[in-house]
Each structure stands twice: as structure tokens, then as C-alpha cells.
Protein backbone atom coordinates (compact mmCIF):
# COMPACT_ATOMS: atom_id res chain seq x y z
CA UNK A 1 81.33 70.38 121.35
CA UNK A 2 79.82 72.58 118.63
CA UNK A 3 79.57 71.16 115.14
CA UNK A 4 81.81 73.94 113.88
CA UNK A 5 84.68 74.43 116.37
CA UNK A 6 86.22 77.82 117.00
CA UNK A 7 88.56 79.84 119.22
CA UNK A 8 87.50 82.94 121.10
CA UNK A 9 89.50 85.79 122.63
CA UNK A 10 87.60 88.25 124.85
CA UNK A 11 88.33 91.93 124.41
CA UNK A 12 91.30 93.26 126.36
CA UNK A 13 89.70 96.72 126.50
CA UNK A 14 86.89 96.97 129.10
CA UNK A 15 85.43 99.94 127.24
CA UNK A 16 84.68 97.63 124.29
CA UNK A 17 83.20 94.75 126.27
CA UNK A 18 79.82 95.03 124.47
CA UNK A 19 81.21 95.36 120.95
CA UNK A 20 80.26 92.61 118.48
CA UNK A 21 83.08 90.14 117.90
CA UNK A 22 85.52 90.54 115.02
CA UNK A 23 85.67 87.41 112.88
CA UNK A 24 89.27 86.35 112.10
CA UNK A 25 89.84 83.89 109.24
CA UNK A 26 93.15 82.01 109.27
CA UNK A 27 95.16 80.87 106.27
CA UNK A 28 95.81 77.39 104.93
CA UNK A 29 98.25 75.68 107.37
CA UNK A 30 98.24 78.51 109.94
CA UNK A 31 96.04 77.92 113.02
CA UNK A 32 94.45 81.11 114.40
CA UNK A 33 96.87 81.54 117.33
CA UNK A 34 99.73 81.77 114.79
CA UNK A 35 98.56 85.39 114.46
CA UNK A 36 98.63 86.23 118.16
CA UNK A 37 100.18 89.65 117.54
CA UNK A 38 97.34 90.55 115.16
CA UNK A 39 94.68 89.08 117.44
CA UNK A 40 96.02 91.00 120.44
CA UNK A 41 95.70 94.22 118.45
CA UNK A 42 92.18 93.37 117.30
CA UNK A 43 91.16 92.54 120.88
CA UNK A 44 91.66 96.19 121.75
CA UNK A 45 88.71 96.91 119.47
CA UNK A 46 86.39 93.99 120.24
CA UNK A 47 86.35 90.29 121.12
CA UNK A 48 87.79 88.05 118.39
CA UNK A 49 86.29 84.79 117.17
CA UNK A 50 87.98 82.43 114.72
CA UNK A 51 86.39 79.41 113.05
CA UNK A 52 88.70 76.40 112.75
CA UNK A 53 88.86 75.12 109.17
CA UNK A 54 88.23 71.44 108.42
CA UNK A 55 91.85 70.25 108.76
CA UNK A 56 91.79 71.50 112.38
CA UNK A 57 88.61 69.69 113.41
CA UNK A 58 89.09 67.04 116.13
CA UNK A 59 88.15 64.44 113.50
CA UNK A 60 88.93 65.98 110.09
CA UNK A 61 86.83 64.74 107.17
CA UNK A 62 88.33 63.21 104.02
CA UNK A 63 90.21 65.55 101.68
CA UNK A 64 87.69 64.71 98.96
CA UNK A 65 84.99 66.63 100.86
CA UNK A 66 86.60 69.83 99.56
CA UNK A 67 86.24 70.37 95.81
CA UNK A 68 86.90 74.12 95.84
CA UNK A 69 87.28 77.00 98.28
CA UNK A 70 83.52 77.54 97.98
CA UNK A 71 83.25 74.59 100.39
CA UNK A 72 85.19 76.57 103.00
CA UNK A 73 82.93 79.57 102.33
CA UNK A 74 79.90 77.37 102.98
CA UNK A 75 81.49 76.35 106.28
CA UNK A 76 81.87 80.00 107.23
CA UNK A 77 78.18 80.65 106.52
CA UNK A 78 77.17 77.57 108.54
CA UNK A 79 79.43 78.64 111.40
CA UNK A 80 77.91 82.14 111.46
CA UNK A 81 74.45 80.59 111.53
CA UNK A 82 75.51 78.23 114.33
CA UNK A 83 76.78 81.12 116.47
CA UNK A 84 74.02 83.51 115.35
CA UNK A 85 76.56 85.98 113.95
CA UNK A 86 75.61 88.61 111.35
CA UNK A 87 76.66 92.05 110.11
CA UNK A 88 80.19 91.34 111.30
CA UNK A 89 83.57 92.95 110.72
CA UNK A 90 85.91 90.28 109.33
CA UNK A 91 89.69 90.07 108.96
CA UNK A 92 91.27 87.26 106.97
CA UNK A 93 94.65 86.14 105.66
CA UNK A 94 95.27 84.28 102.39
CA UNK A 95 92.72 81.48 101.90
CA UNK A 96 90.91 82.69 105.03
CA UNK A 97 90.37 86.08 103.39
CA UNK A 98 89.08 84.36 100.24
CA UNK A 99 86.68 82.07 102.10
CA UNK A 100 85.30 85.08 104.00
CA UNK A 101 84.84 87.04 100.77
CA UNK A 102 83.12 84.13 99.02
CA UNK A 103 80.86 83.73 102.06
CA UNK A 104 80.01 87.43 101.82
CA UNK A 105 79.04 87.05 98.16
CA UNK A 106 76.64 84.26 99.17
CA UNK A 107 75.28 86.01 102.26
CA UNK A 108 75.95 89.76 102.23
CA UNK A 109 73.84 90.15 105.38
CA UNK A 110 76.51 88.38 107.38
CA UNK A 111 79.32 90.87 106.72
CA UNK A 112 79.63 94.56 107.46
CA UNK A 113 83.13 94.97 106.01
CA UNK A 114 86.18 92.82 105.31
CA UNK A 115 89.95 93.13 105.59
CA UNK A 116 91.68 90.89 103.05
CA UNK A 117 95.35 90.40 103.92
CA UNK A 118 97.28 88.81 101.05
CA UNK A 119 94.29 87.02 99.47
CA UNK A 120 95.17 84.43 96.81
CA UNK A 121 93.86 85.80 93.48
CA UNK A 122 95.13 83.51 90.76
CA UNK A 123 93.64 83.67 87.26
CA UNK A 124 90.65 81.56 86.19
CA UNK A 125 92.90 79.76 83.69
CA UNK A 126 95.42 78.78 86.37
CA UNK A 127 92.67 77.60 88.73
CA UNK A 128 91.03 75.54 85.97
CA UNK A 129 94.29 73.88 84.94
CA UNK A 130 95.14 73.23 88.56
CA UNK A 131 91.84 71.39 88.91
CA UNK A 132 91.74 69.32 85.71
CA UNK A 133 95.36 68.21 85.40
CA UNK A 134 96.09 64.67 86.62
CA UNK A 135 96.95 64.50 90.30
CA UNK A 136 100.54 63.35 89.71
CA UNK A 137 101.15 66.44 87.55
CA UNK A 138 99.49 68.82 90.03
CA UNK A 139 101.73 67.43 92.75
CA UNK A 140 104.75 68.66 90.80
CA UNK A 141 103.64 72.28 91.18
CA UNK A 142 106.46 73.74 93.32
CA UNK A 143 104.40 74.83 96.34
CA UNK A 144 102.51 71.52 96.40
CA UNK A 145 105.61 69.39 95.88
CA UNK A 146 107.49 71.30 98.56
CA UNK A 147 104.60 70.91 101.02
CA UNK A 148 104.34 67.15 100.52
CA UNK A 149 108.08 66.56 100.83
CA UNK A 150 109.05 68.79 103.74
CA UNK A 151 109.43 67.42 107.30
CA UNK A 152 106.34 67.52 109.51
CA UNK A 153 107.74 65.91 112.69
CA UNK A 154 110.56 66.95 115.02
CA UNK A 155 112.06 65.69 118.30
CA UNK A 156 111.21 68.94 120.14
CA UNK A 157 109.55 72.32 119.75
CA UNK A 158 113.02 73.85 119.60
CA UNK A 159 113.91 71.58 116.67
CA UNK A 160 110.69 72.63 114.93
CA UNK A 161 111.58 76.27 115.52
CA UNK A 162 115.15 75.75 114.26
CA UNK A 163 113.88 74.08 111.07
CA UNK A 164 111.46 76.90 110.26
CA UNK A 165 114.00 79.54 111.23
CA UNK A 166 116.20 78.37 108.35
CA UNK A 167 113.48 78.43 105.69
CA UNK A 168 113.06 81.15 103.09
CA UNK A 169 109.35 81.60 103.84
CA UNK A 170 110.03 82.78 107.40
CA UNK A 171 113.13 84.88 106.76
CA UNK A 172 111.31 88.15 107.52
CA UNK A 173 109.44 86.77 110.56
CA UNK A 174 110.95 87.72 113.94
CA UNK A 175 111.85 85.04 116.48
CA UNK A 176 108.97 86.22 118.68
CA UNK A 177 106.37 85.84 115.95
CA UNK A 178 107.87 82.60 114.65
CA UNK A 179 107.48 81.15 118.15
CA UNK A 180 103.83 82.19 118.08
CA UNK A 181 103.42 80.09 114.94
CA UNK A 182 105.37 77.14 116.42
CA UNK A 183 103.34 77.15 119.64
CA UNK A 184 100.10 77.27 117.65
CA UNK A 185 101.07 75.01 114.78
CA UNK A 186 103.13 72.19 116.37
CA UNK A 187 101.90 69.74 119.02
CA UNK A 188 103.18 66.68 120.91
CA UNK A 189 102.04 63.32 119.51
CA UNK A 190 101.71 59.81 120.96
CA UNK A 191 105.18 58.84 119.72
CA UNK A 192 106.98 61.32 121.95
CA UNK A 193 107.79 63.69 119.10
CA UNK A 194 106.19 66.89 117.83
CA UNK A 195 104.20 67.28 114.64
CA UNK A 196 102.31 69.87 112.62
CA UNK A 197 98.79 70.51 113.87
CA UNK A 198 97.66 71.21 110.30
CA UNK A 199 98.25 68.05 108.26
CA UNK A 200 100.51 68.73 105.27
CA UNK A 201 98.42 66.51 102.99
CA UNK A 202 95.41 68.70 103.75
CA UNK A 203 97.54 71.77 103.07
CA UNK A 204 98.60 70.38 99.68
CA UNK A 205 95.01 69.45 98.81
CA UNK A 206 93.86 72.99 99.55
CA UNK A 207 96.50 74.36 97.17
CA UNK A 208 95.13 71.98 94.52
CA UNK A 209 91.60 73.34 94.92
CA UNK A 210 92.46 77.05 94.66
CA UNK A 211 89.42 78.89 93.32
CA UNK A 212 88.94 81.78 90.89
CA UNK A 213 86.87 84.77 92.02
CA UNK A 214 88.46 87.83 90.39
CA UNK A 215 85.26 88.92 88.64
CA UNK A 216 83.30 88.95 91.91
CA UNK A 217 86.09 90.92 93.57
CA UNK A 218 86.15 93.59 90.87
CA UNK A 219 82.36 94.00 91.08
CA UNK A 220 81.99 93.74 94.86
CA UNK A 221 80.17 96.50 96.74
CA UNK A 222 81.28 95.20 100.15
CA UNK A 223 83.63 97.65 101.91
CA UNK A 224 87.05 96.00 101.68
CA UNK A 225 90.53 96.91 102.83
CA UNK A 226 93.09 94.84 100.91
CA UNK A 227 96.71 94.58 102.06
CA UNK A 228 99.44 93.28 99.74
CA UNK A 229 103.02 92.42 100.62
CA UNK A 230 105.27 94.27 98.18
CA UNK A 231 107.23 91.09 97.40
CA UNK A 232 104.29 88.70 97.22
CA UNK A 233 103.79 86.09 94.52
CA UNK A 234 100.08 85.50 95.18
CA UNK A 235 98.63 88.83 94.03
CA UNK A 236 99.99 89.59 90.54
CA UNK A 237 100.85 93.25 89.97
CA UNK A 238 98.68 93.34 86.83
CA UNK A 239 95.59 92.29 88.75
CA UNK A 240 96.46 94.51 91.72
CA UNK A 241 96.39 97.47 89.33
CA UNK A 242 93.00 96.40 87.88
CA UNK A 243 91.61 95.92 91.37
CA UNK A 244 92.14 99.62 92.06
CA UNK A 245 89.19 100.29 89.74
CA UNK A 246 86.79 99.06 92.44
CA UNK A 247 86.03 102.25 94.35
CA UNK A 248 84.42 100.29 97.21
CA UNK A 249 87.79 98.79 98.04
CA UNK A 250 90.87 100.43 99.51
CA UNK A 251 94.17 98.82 98.51
CA UNK A 252 97.42 99.27 100.45
CA UNK A 253 100.83 97.77 99.66
CA UNK A 254 103.17 97.15 102.60
CA UNK A 255 106.91 97.41 101.80
CA UNK A 256 109.51 94.80 102.79
CA UNK A 257 106.94 92.02 103.14
CA UNK A 258 105.65 88.94 101.35
CA UNK A 259 102.72 86.53 101.59
CA UNK A 260 103.31 86.07 105.33
CA UNK A 261 102.68 89.80 105.81
CA UNK A 262 100.66 89.47 109.07
CA UNK A 263 103.48 87.47 110.68
CA UNK A 264 106.24 89.61 109.19
CA UNK A 265 104.80 93.08 109.78
CA UNK A 266 101.96 92.85 112.34
CA UNK A 267 102.43 96.43 113.51
CA UNK A 268 102.16 97.76 109.94
CA UNK A 269 99.10 95.60 109.32
CA UNK A 270 97.35 96.82 112.48
CA UNK A 271 98.18 100.43 111.62
CA UNK A 272 95.99 100.02 108.53
CA UNK A 273 93.37 97.65 109.92
CA UNK A 274 92.43 99.45 113.15
CA UNK A 275 91.32 102.73 111.48
CA UNK A 276 89.31 100.69 108.94
CA UNK A 277 87.56 98.81 111.76
CA UNK A 278 86.81 102.06 113.60
CA UNK A 279 85.39 103.54 110.38
CA UNK A 280 83.00 100.62 109.90
CA UNK A 281 81.87 99.90 113.47
């Protein structure tokens, strides 16, 4: 097995069989196949390759190995070097988009252009406080507290689906696309039940290491397409407006969507992403 594990989807369009692979970067807690609708659309353009973040490794390291999201960016660079990938088109969601962008700031030769779907762009002050506050206080932050206290095991896949179907986060996600997440994100365990593939304690730790990078984003010369869900809480409107000043970046807001935009509105996402990919081939 490779040091840095990954998933690969060959192109579904024979005319594009020789195209360089598109790199897809998944979010915290969402394994790559959670985005099957997006990946199927991307596969029309080129093969798709997706690096599996540390929590999805066969033997995940200790949480303490990640101090900030720069560590995930370093993993992306190492993965590209492992697979001899460079000058690539990348598409990422949430923390995956951020890790790809941070990797591109370290190694601009590795990236041709980047689609950032709902990247997390909290302020430097928030990120600093989130890092220096005592752990027991950080764990009271709503998203972290909710992650640590929600169920992560169910008697069946159907029970896992039913639980997520009732949650606010997935209210805009269709049954079809929710099942894609369940099939990718829940697995049978040795106890005869089903559990999350992405450990919730890892998920919470990643929230606690959220990293500031707004300055780099505003100054970036990398061609970027940024997609924001109109009802998101992770890209403040004030910063979204400032971000428009970067003329190398194209910013699009998708109505009736939130942070789970690629699961909620995959067709709308692909309608923006595909022309951007074709422009930067």
C-alpha cells in the first residue's frame, strides 16, 4: 500500500482518457465517495484522484500529529510528490479546499487552478482563540460539542440514514445524495453494528485546529473559482465582499444552499465548475 492512500475514478468519457487527473479534496468528516454526484460529473472531464486525509488512513496517527491545517497541506504536497502529480486542476470542499489552497501557496508548481467550494475562512482572531483556549473550553464551541456528543454507531445502515435524515445539517440534501454519504461514511464493525468511517474525535480535533489564511487568499494569483452557499455560516458576508477585490478569483454564490453545497446542489455546482475546468485545461 502507498504511504499516502487515495481513491481513483477513471474517466467515464473515452475522449478524455489521456487527460491529467483532477484532484478532488474532501472535507472534514466526508470521505471522497460522499460526493459521488460531483465526482461523476468531474469524470466526464478527466480521471479523478482523491487523497484520503489522516483520519481515513488504515492506521490513523494520533490527533496530536495535527497542529494546524498546514499539516494537511503538507500531506497534499507529499501525496502529489508520491504520485508524481504537478500542474493539476483541483476541486475541494471545506477543509479540503483550504488544504489544497495552502498546498498551492507552498508549491505553486503543483496547481494549475483551484475550485474552492465553501472553504472555511474564519478570522485570524477566531483561529488564534480557538487554538489557545483550554481544551475543555474549546470543546464547548457548539460545532465541536455537537460533534463529540452525537451518535456514531447504529444497528443498520438504514438506522444511520434515518438519523441523518432528521438532522438540520442534511435538510436540503436529497435522499439519493444522503445515501451516497451513508454508503461512503458508515461501515460495519466487529460488533455487528455500523459506525462512522471518519472518527468523530478526529473531526472535533480538526475543528479545533482551524487555520487562518485570509491574507494569502486576498493576495493569491492562482486562478480560483470560489462557490459559496447563500445560507452558509463559514464564509462571512463581510469577507466574501472583500474577497471580490482579488481579480484572479471568480466568486459565485449559489442560492438555497449552505455549507453542504456540493451534496445539496451538485448540479448547480457542476454547472459552474465544468466551464472553469474547460477554461483552464
